[in-house]
Amino acid sequence: MSTLSLLTPPPFMSDAMRRARRHMLARTGLAWLVMMQVMMLAFPGYLRHGVRSAESQQALEQAIVLMNWISLVLCVPLVLYCAWPVWQGALDSLRRGRVGMDVPVALGILAAFIPSIWATWHDAGEVYFESVAMFVAFLLSARFLEFCARQSFDAPDPSAAAVQAALPAADAQLMAQADRVAFWFVCVQIALAALVGAWWWQASPDHALAVTVALLVMSCPCAMSMSVPAALAARRAASLRLAAPACPDALPLDGPSARQGRADLDHATRRIARQNLYGSLIWHVLMTPLAAVGLVQPWLAAITMLLSSLAVAANAWRLARHAPSGGPRAALASPV
């Protein structure tokens, strides 16, 4: 049990769950490969405004044009294949007349990718291929963590039936709470991106696109959507560790101590889930004004999105990692 982690495939996975995990891992890996290549190809563009001779400047401009075209070719499979779940989710949300979390993600990708194609074709304006690649790679990484967390507590495990505290009503309430927070956050962020983008278009058109894309990128509630699944997955791992015969602090299968231990674990799970949900919300709210005034570029917004998701996963998994330390009651009652 000591090797359990958020990325550990849960036992008793179905074939469909294994296929889904392989497809998501393939998309995430390809997105990271494309991102690393596109970031290297974007480096000449950062040198465009340096002081150099006319001949050197002309050679640099020719290199930038070539690098932009190669980046465009590399980003096509990234947008069409790697980001395919985003397009599916956005279309499904629009068919139901809802604003799901995939809608701002799709808008952010299109807002950066389509103008970059136009700028590459006409050899005029800024391109954001590296921002698109970073956004998709970091987005898929965050969603892979969420996917693994959901599989960890969704996978059937007959051996854990007697030791795992199943509270479907409380879990459903936590999930519904996270969904409501994420929904209203997305709605407010999309409206804010439209209003701020329109203001920048009037005040400084050259910066309007970058600010709008950064706000759309930060409107992705990945950390909020994985706050509860990560906590529930950590609770399941903690339950298995506390029930393991090899664990020196193992709880009995039944009795007052087992019921109290499970109650402590459930209380810690709810506390961590709320910490993750509202902590990630506060993080995004604090970063939004910086993006609105143009201090956060799209690539930096993608990094902040990934950091918030990693923080949620790390905070949740402390519950599973430290469950046996110092006895079950002491570990579960300790602040996380």
Protein backbone atom coordinates (compact mmCIF):
# COMPACT_ATOMS: atom_id res chain seq x y z
CA MET A 1 0.00 0.00 0.00
CA SER A 2 2.94 2.35 0.45
CA THR A 3 3.26 2.84 -3.31
CA LEU A 4 -0.20 4.30 -3.77
CA SER A 5 -0.31 7.70 -5.46
CA LEU A 6 -2.73 9.76 -7.48
CA LEU A 7 -1.28 8.34 -10.71
CA THR A 8 -1.33 4.70 -9.59
CA PRO A 9 -3.86 2.75 -11.70
CA PRO A 10 -6.57 1.52 -9.33
CA PRO A 11 -7.19 -2.22 -9.07
CA PHE A 12 -10.14 -3.87 -10.79
CA MET A 13 -10.18 -1.38 -13.66
CA SER A 14 -12.46 -2.23 -16.56
CA ASP A 15 -11.16 -2.47 -20.12
CA ALA A 16 -12.97 0.75 -21.00
CA MET A 17 -11.26 2.58 -18.14
CA ARG A 18 -7.85 1.30 -19.27
CA ARG A 19 -8.47 2.41 -22.86
CA ALA A 20 -9.62 5.83 -21.73
CA ARG A 21 -6.51 6.25 -19.59
CA ARG A 22 -4.22 5.21 -22.47
CA HIS A 23 -5.88 7.64 -24.90
CA MET A 24 -5.63 10.53 -22.45
CA LEU A 25 -2.00 9.72 -21.68
CA ALA A 26 -1.20 9.59 -25.41
CA ARG A 27 -2.83 12.97 -26.01
CA THR A 28 -1.03 14.50 -23.04
CA GLY A 29 2.37 13.09 -24.08
CA LEU A 30 2.00 14.29 -27.66
CA ALA A 31 0.94 17.73 -26.45
CA TRP A 32 4.09 18.01 -24.33
CA LEU A 33 6.30 16.96 -27.25
CA VAL A 34 4.71 19.57 -29.52
CA MET A 35 4.94 22.21 -26.81
CA MET A 36 8.69 21.69 -26.34
CA GLN A 37 9.32 21.91 -30.09
CA VAL A 38 7.15 24.98 -30.60
CA MET A 39 8.76 26.79 -27.67
CA MET A 40 12.19 26.27 -29.23
CA LEU A 41 10.91 27.47 -32.60
CA ALA A 42 9.46 30.60 -30.97
CA PHE A 43 12.84 31.70 -29.61
CA PRO A 44 13.90 33.72 -32.71
CA GLY A 45 10.77 35.84 -32.33
CA TYR A 46 11.95 37.01 -28.90
CA LEU A 47 15.08 38.46 -30.55
CA ARG A 48 13.21 40.50 -33.14
CA HIS A 49 13.52 43.86 -31.41
CA GLY A 50 17.23 43.70 -30.68
CA VAL A 51 19.72 46.13 -32.22
CA ARG A 52 21.61 44.56 -35.14
CA SER A 53 22.70 45.25 -38.70
CA ALA A 54 20.25 45.34 -41.59
CA GLU A 55 21.58 42.08 -42.99
CA SER A 56 21.27 40.29 -39.67
CA GLN A 57 17.78 41.66 -39.16
CA GLN A 58 16.69 40.43 -42.58
CA ALA A 59 18.11 36.96 -41.89
CA LEU A 60 16.34 36.90 -38.54
CA GLU A 61 13.02 37.86 -40.13
CA GLN A 62 13.38 35.07 -42.67
CA ALA A 63 14.11 32.61 -39.87
CA ILE A 64 11.06 33.80 -37.94
CA VAL A 65 8.82 33.26 -40.97
CA LEU A 66 10.15 29.71 -41.38
CA MET A 67 9.79 28.94 -37.66
CA ASN A 68 6.22 30.24 -37.67
CA TRP A 69 5.24 27.95 -40.53
CA ILE A 70 6.82 24.94 -38.83
CA SER A 71 5.04 25.84 -35.59
CA LEU A 72 1.75 26.05 -37.48
CA VAL A 73 2.25 22.58 -38.93
CA LEU A 74 3.08 21.17 -35.49
CA CYS A 75 0.11 22.83 -33.82
CA VAL A 76 -2.45 21.37 -36.25
CA PRO A 77 -2.38 17.84 -34.72
CA LEU A 78 -2.17 19.43 -31.29
CA VAL A 79 -5.40 21.36 -31.84
CA LEU A 80 -7.25 18.64 -33.77
CA TYR A 81 -6.17 15.48 -31.91
CA CYS A 82 -4.82 16.43 -28.49
CA ALA A 83 -7.55 19.00 -27.83
CA TRP A 84 -10.31 16.83 -29.31
CA PRO A 85 -11.96 16.21 -25.89
CA VAL A 86 -12.19 20.00 -25.48
CA TRP A 87 -14.13 20.40 -28.74
CA GLN A 88 -16.42 17.50 -27.82
CA GLY A 89 -17.11 18.93 -24.38
CA ALA A 90 -17.74 22.43 -25.70
CA LEU A 91 -20.16 21.20 -28.38
CA ASP A 92 -22.02 19.04 -25.87
CA SER A 93 -22.36 22.00 -23.50
CA LEU A 94 -23.66 24.28 -26.25
CA ARG A 95 -26.18 21.66 -27.39
CA ARG A 96 -27.56 21.52 -23.86
CA GLY A 97 -27.63 25.31 -23.69
CA ARG A 98 -25.06 25.44 -20.88
CA VAL A 99 -21.71 27.12 -20.38
CA GLY A 100 -19.48 24.21 -19.42
CA MET A 101 -15.82 24.42 -18.51
CA ASP A 102 -14.83 23.42 -22.06
CA VAL A 103 -16.45 26.50 -23.61
CA PRO A 104 -13.91 29.08 -22.37
CA VAL A 105 -11.09 26.63 -23.09
CA ALA A 106 -12.24 26.26 -26.70
CA LEU A 107 -12.63 30.03 -27.01
CA GLY A 108 -9.14 30.56 -25.64
CA ILE A 109 -7.59 28.10 -28.10
CA LEU A 110 -9.46 29.59 -31.07
CA ALA A 111 -8.71 33.18 -30.00
CA ALA A 112 -4.97 32.43 -30.04
CA PHE A 113 -4.74 29.91 -32.89
CA ILE A 114 -6.82 31.54 -35.63
CA PRO A 115 -5.11 34.99 -35.45
CA SER A 116 -1.76 33.19 -35.42
CA ILE A 117 -2.68 31.42 -38.65
CA TRP A 118 -3.65 34.75 -40.20
CA ALA A 119 -0.41 36.40 -39.03
CA THR A 120 1.66 33.52 -40.39
CA TRP A 121 -0.12 33.54 -43.76
CA HIS A 122 0.21 37.30 -44.20
CA ASP A 123 3.59 37.61 -42.43
CA ALA A 124 2.22 40.37 -40.22
CA GLY A 125 1.36 40.59 -36.55
CA GLU A 126 2.12 38.45 -33.52
CA VAL A 127 1.76 34.68 -33.35
CA TYR A 128 0.80 32.73 -30.23
CA PHE A 129 1.61 29.16 -31.22
CA GLU A 130 3.74 28.64 -28.10
CA SER A 131 0.87 29.88 -25.93
CA VAL A 132 -1.56 27.50 -27.65
CA ALA A 133 0.85 24.58 -27.19
CA MET A 134 1.50 25.39 -23.54
CA PHE A 135 -2.18 25.88 -22.81
CA VAL A 136 -3.19 22.54 -24.35
CA ALA A 137 -0.29 20.63 -22.74
CA PHE A 138 -0.88 22.09 -19.29
CA LEU A 139 -4.65 21.73 -19.63
CA LEU A 140 -4.35 18.04 -20.53
CA SER A 141 -1.89 17.50 -17.69
CA ALA A 142 -4.35 18.98 -15.20
CA ARG A 143 -7.20 16.96 -16.65
CA PHE A 144 -5.12 13.80 -16.56
CA LEU A 145 -4.68 14.32 -12.83
CA GLU A 146 -8.43 14.85 -12.48
CA PHE A 147 -9.11 11.78 -14.63
CA CYS A 148 -6.82 9.62 -12.48
CA ALA A 149 -8.50 10.92 -9.33
CA ARG A 150 -11.95 10.11 -10.66
CA GLN A 151 -10.84 6.61 -11.69
CA SER A 152 -9.33 6.05 -8.25
CA PHE A 153 -12.66 6.41 -6.47
CA ASP A 154 -14.88 5.18 -9.34
CA ALA A 155 -13.10 1.87 -9.96
CA PRO A 156 -14.89 -1.03 -8.20
CA ASP A 157 -12.86 -2.73 -5.48
CA PRO A 158 -14.67 -5.58 -3.70
CA SER A 159 -11.86 -5.98 -1.17
CA ALA A 160 -12.40 -2.43 0.11
CA ALA A 161 -16.15 -2.69 0.57
CA ALA A 162 -15.89 -3.36 4.29
CA VAL A 163 -13.34 -0.68 5.10
CA GLN A 164 -14.22 2.23 2.85
CA ALA A 165 -16.70 4.74 4.16
CA ALA A 166 -19.12 5.34 1.33
CA LEU A 167 -21.13 8.50 1.85
CA PRO A 168 -22.79 9.09 -1.51
CA ALA A 169 -24.99 11.91 -0.23
CA ALA A 170 -22.07 13.87 1.23
CA ASP A 171 -19.89 13.17 -1.80
CA ALA A 172 -22.65 14.26 -4.17
CA GLN A 173 -23.12 17.45 -2.15
CA LEU A 174 -19.41 18.25 -2.41
CA MET A 175 -19.40 17.58 -6.15
CA ALA A 176 -22.48 19.75 -6.66
CA GLN A 177 -20.91 22.56 -4.66
CA ALA A 178 -17.74 22.44 -6.76
CA ASP A 179 -19.78 22.38 -9.97
CA ARG A 180 -21.74 25.47 -8.93
CA VAL A 181 -18.62 27.42 -8.03
CA ALA A 182 -16.90 26.44 -11.27
CA PHE A 183 -19.99 27.27 -13.36
CA TRP A 184 -20.39 30.80 -12.01
CA PHE A 185 -16.65 31.39 -12.15
CA VAL A 186 -16.63 30.46 -15.85
CA CYS A 187 -19.62 32.70 -16.61
CA VAL A 188 -18.08 35.69 -14.86
CA GLN A 189 -14.68 35.13 -16.48
CA ILE A 190 -16.10 34.89 -20.01
CA ALA A 191 -18.08 38.10 -19.51
CA LEU A 192 -15.02 39.80 -18.04
CA ALA A 193 -12.82 38.65 -20.92
CA ALA A 194 -15.31 40.10 -23.42
CA LEU A 195 -15.58 43.44 -21.63
CA VAL A 196 -11.86 43.85 -20.97
CA GLY A 197 -11.00 42.72 -24.49
CA ALA A 198 -13.37 45.30 -25.95
CA TRP A 199 -11.82 48.04 -23.81
CA TRP A 200 -8.29 47.07 -24.87
CA TRP A 201 -9.41 46.97 -28.51
CA GLN A 202 -10.35 50.63 -28.22
CA ALA A 203 -7.40 51.72 -26.07
CA SER A 204 -4.56 49.61 -27.49
CA PRO A 205 -5.50 47.13 -30.25
CA ASP A 206 -2.02 45.60 -30.26
CA HIS A 207 -2.52 44.25 -26.73
CA ALA A 208 -6.21 43.37 -26.92
CA LEU A 209 -5.74 39.83 -28.21
CA ALA A 210 -3.08 38.85 -25.66
CA VAL A 211 -5.15 40.17 -22.74
CA THR A 212 -8.31 38.43 -23.96
CA VAL A 213 -6.54 35.11 -24.47
CA ALA A 214 -4.91 35.33 -21.03
CA LEU A 215 -8.29 35.92 -19.37
CA LEU A 216 -9.87 33.04 -21.29
CA VAL A 217 -7.01 30.74 -20.32
CA MET A 218 -7.41 31.68 -16.67
CA SER A 219 -11.16 31.03 -16.87
CA CYS A 220 -10.50 27.28 -17.12
CA PRO A 221 -11.61 25.88 -13.74
CA CYS A 222 -9.45 22.75 -13.90
CA ALA A 223 -8.28 23.03 -10.30
CA MET A 224 -11.84 23.58 -9.08
CA SER A 225 -13.19 20.61 -11.01
CA MET A 226 -10.56 18.26 -9.57
CA SER A 227 -10.74 19.58 -5.99
CA VAL A 228 -13.37 17.08 -4.84
CA PRO A 229 -12.30 14.05 -6.98
CA ALA A 230 -8.71 14.40 -5.75
CA ALA A 231 -9.86 14.50 -2.13
CA LEU A 232 -12.13 11.47 -2.60
CA ALA A 233 -9.33 9.53 -4.31
CA ALA A 234 -6.99 10.37 -1.42
CA ARG A 235 -9.65 9.21 1.03
CA ARG A 236 -9.89 5.87 -0.70
CA ALA A 237 -6.13 5.40 -0.65
CA ALA A 238 -6.03 6.37 3.03
CA SER A 239 -8.81 3.86 3.79
CA LEU A 240 -6.90 1.07 2.07
CA ARG A 241 -3.69 1.92 3.90
CA LEU A 242 -5.39 2.07 7.29
CA ALA A 243 -7.00 -1.32 6.64
CA ALA A 244 -3.82 -2.99 5.36
CA PRO A 245 -2.63 -5.83 7.63
CA ALA A 246 0.98 -4.73 7.11
CA CYS A 247 0.23 -1.26 8.43
CA PRO A 248 1.30 -0.92 12.09
CA ASP A 249 -1.64 1.45 12.72
CA ALA A 250 -4.19 -0.63 10.83
CA LEU A 251 -7.79 -0.23 11.91
CA PRO A 252 -10.01 -3.26 12.55
CA LEU A 253 -12.69 -3.96 9.98
CA ASP A 254 -15.51 -3.13 12.39
CA GLY A 255 -16.06 -1.76 15.85
CA PRO A 256 -16.01 1.68 17.53
CA SER A 257 -12.40 2.44 16.60
CA ALA A 258 -13.06 1.62 12.93
CA ARG A 259 -16.18 3.78 12.83
CA GLN A 260 -14.40 6.66 14.55
CA GLY A 261 -11.42 6.33 12.21
CA ARG A 262 -13.66 6.45 9.16
CA ALA A 263 -15.54 9.44 10.59
CA ASP A 264 -12.24 11.28 11.10
CA LEU A 265 -11.20 10.41 7.57
CA ASP A 266 -14.47 11.68 6.13
CA HIS A 267 -14.15 14.93 8.08
CA ALA A 268 -10.59 15.45 6.82
CA THR A 269 -11.71 14.69 3.27
CA ARG A 270 -14.45 17.32 3.34
CA ARG A 271 -12.09 19.87 4.86
CA ILE A 272 -9.43 19.26 2.19
CA ALA A 273 -11.99 19.34 -0.63
CA ARG A 274 -13.18 22.77 0.50
CA GLN A 275 -9.60 23.98 0.92
CA ASN A 276 -8.84 22.95 -2.64
CA LEU A 277 -12.03 24.40 -4.09
CA TYR A 278 -11.91 27.83 -2.48
CA GLY A 279 -8.12 28.04 -2.48
CA SER A 280 -8.00 27.58 -6.26
CA LEU A 281 -10.85 30.07 -6.64
CA ILE A 282 -8.95 32.68 -4.63
CA TRP A 283 -5.81 32.03 -6.68
CA HIS A 284 -7.62 32.67 -9.96
CA VAL A 285 -9.41 35.73 -8.58
CA LEU A 286 -6.11 37.26 -7.47
CA MET A 287 -4.48 36.61 -10.85
CA THR A 288 -7.39 37.94 -12.91
CA PRO A 289 -6.74 41.68 -12.28
CA LEU A 290 -3.11 41.22 -13.27
CA ALA A 291 -4.19 39.61 -16.53
CA ALA A 292 -6.79 42.32 -17.15
CA VAL A 293 -4.18 45.09 -17.01
CA GLY A 294 -1.85 43.22 -19.36
CA LEU A 295 0.73 41.96 -16.84
CA VAL A 296 0.03 38.27 -17.49
CA GLN A 297 0.82 36.90 -20.93
CA PRO A 298 -1.12 33.87 -22.26
CA TRP A 299 1.80 31.49 -21.65
CA LEU A 300 2.10 32.71 -18.06
CA ALA A 301 -1.66 32.28 -17.58
CA ALA A 302 -1.27 28.66 -18.71
CA ILE A 303 1.48 28.14 -16.14
CA THR A 304 -0.67 29.57 -13.35
CA MET A 305 -3.50 27.22 -14.35
CA LEU A 306 -1.16 24.22 -14.14
CA LEU A 307 0.30 25.34 -10.80
CA SER A 308 -3.15 25.62 -9.23
CA SER A 309 -4.03 22.09 -10.39
CA LEU A 310 -0.75 20.68 -9.06
CA ALA A 311 -1.32 22.43 -5.74
CA VAL A 312 -4.79 20.86 -5.48
CA ALA A 313 -3.41 17.39 -6.22
CA ALA A 314 -0.53 17.77 -3.76
CA ASN A 315 -2.75 19.06 -0.95
CA ALA A 316 -5.29 16.28 -1.45
CA TRP A 317 -2.72 13.52 -1.60
CA ARG A 318 -1.18 14.52 1.72
CA LEU A 319 -4.24 12.88 3.25
CA ALA A 320 -3.37 9.49 1.78
CA ARG A 321 0.37 9.81 2.30
CA HIS A 322 0.24 10.72 5.99
CA ALA A 323 -2.74 8.64 7.05
CA PRO A 324 -0.81 5.98 9.02
CA SER A 325 1.70 8.42 10.55
CA GLY A 326 1.37 8.66 14.31
CA GLY A 327 -1.75 6.50 14.44
CA PRO A 328 -4.95 6.85 12.43
CA ARG A 329 -6.79 9.20 14.77
CA ALA A 330 -3.82 11.54 15.20
CA ALA A 331 -3.02 11.63 11.51
CA LEU A 332 -6.56 12.29 10.37
CA ALA A 333 -7.15 15.00 12.95
CA SER A 334 -3.95 16.86 12.10
CA PRO A 335 -4.26 20.02 9.95
CA VAL A 336 -3.48 19.56 6.26
